[in-house]
Amino acid sequence: MAMDAGEIERLIKEAFPDAKVTIEDLAGDGDHYAAHVISEAFKGKSRVQQHQMVYKALQGRMGNQLHALALQTGIPA
């Protein structure tokens, strides 16, 4: 079952209320997305830790409803 871009954004914003989130459906199939997430919560965290935080926010949907996610994370400039 495919996942809606709005649902991905909602889950991320629930975990990181200050986040600026951009979601792009890469293949038009609801299974392959790119996400760009900027949040103060990532301050002091490695890129791997930042990505793990986003995956946790997706509540186990990664690999199930969400097949692929090209993820870029960072802190506000």
Protein backbone atom coordinates (compact mmCIF):
# COMPACT_ATOMS: atom_id res chain seq x y z
CA MET A 1 0.00 0.00 0.00
CA ALA A 2 1.42 3.36 -1.06
CA MET A 3 1.86 6.27 1.33
CA ASP A 4 0.65 9.81 0.69
CA ALA A 5 3.18 12.69 0.75
CA GLY A 6 0.89 14.58 3.15
CA GLU A 7 1.04 11.69 5.62
CA ILE A 8 4.84 11.66 5.51
CA GLU A 9 4.92 15.40 6.18
CA ARG A 10 2.37 15.10 9.00
CA LEU A 11 4.36 12.39 10.79
CA ILE A 12 7.61 14.34 10.50
CA LYS A 13 5.98 17.57 11.74
CA GLU A 14 4.43 15.73 14.70
CA ALA A 15 7.94 14.68 15.76
CA PHE A 16 9.59 18.00 14.84
CA PRO A 17 7.03 20.83 15.13
CA ASP A 18 9.56 23.46 14.02
CA ALA A 19 10.57 21.50 10.92
CA LYS A 20 10.50 22.86 7.42
CA VAL A 21 9.57 19.81 5.33
CA THR A 22 9.55 19.41 1.57
CA ILE A 23 8.33 16.12 0.08
CA GLU A 24 8.63 15.13 -3.58
CA ASP A 25 7.12 12.01 -5.15
CA LEU A 26 10.02 10.89 -7.33
CA ALA A 27 8.25 8.26 -9.45
CA GLY A 28 4.59 9.29 -9.17
CA ASP A 29 3.79 5.93 -7.58
CA GLY A 30 3.48 6.90 -3.91
CA ASP A 31 6.37 4.57 -3.05
CA HIS A 32 9.50 6.59 -3.91
CA TYR A 33 9.90 9.97 -2.23
CA ALA A 34 12.55 12.57 -1.55
CA ALA A 35 12.30 14.52 1.70
CA HIS A 36 14.20 17.59 2.81
CA VAL A 37 13.82 18.24 6.55
CA ILE A 38 15.29 21.24 8.39
CA SER A 39 14.93 21.35 12.20
CA GLU A 40 16.70 22.72 15.26
CA ALA A 41 16.26 19.22 16.76
CA PHE A 42 19.13 18.06 14.54
CA LYS A 43 21.62 20.49 16.09
CA GLY A 44 24.70 18.64 17.35
CA LYS A 45 23.62 15.37 15.72
CA SER A 46 25.51 13.52 13.00
CA ARG A 47 23.83 13.07 9.61
CA VAL A 48 23.20 9.40 10.47
CA GLN A 49 21.57 10.38 13.78
CA GLN A 50 19.41 12.96 11.98
CA HIS A 51 18.21 10.36 9.50
CA GLN A 52 17.51 7.88 12.29
CA MET A 53 15.38 10.53 14.01
CA VAL A 54 13.30 11.01 10.84
CA TYR A 55 12.92 7.25 10.33
CA LYS A 56 11.71 6.96 13.93
CA ALA A 57 9.18 9.73 13.26
CA LEU A 58 7.78 7.61 10.40
CA GLN A 59 6.71 5.02 13.01
CA GLY A 60 7.78 1.85 11.24
CA ARG A 61 6.31 2.73 7.86
CA MET A 62 9.74 2.82 6.19
CA GLY A 63 10.11 -0.41 4.23
CA ASN A 64 6.38 -1.12 4.51
CA GLN A 65 4.00 1.55 3.20
CA LEU A 66 7.00 3.68 2.22
CA HIS A 67 9.37 1.79 -0.06
CA ALA A 68 12.12 4.38 -0.65
CA LEU A 69 12.98 7.76 0.83
CA ALA A 70 15.87 9.91 -0.38
CA LEU A 71 16.47 11.96 2.75
CA GLN A 72 18.28 15.25 3.25
CA THR A 73 18.39 16.75 6.73
CA GLY A 74 19.95 19.80 8.31
CA ILE A 75 19.63 22.65 10.78
CA PRO A 76 18.35 26.15 9.97
CA ALA A 77 20.97 28.56 8.67
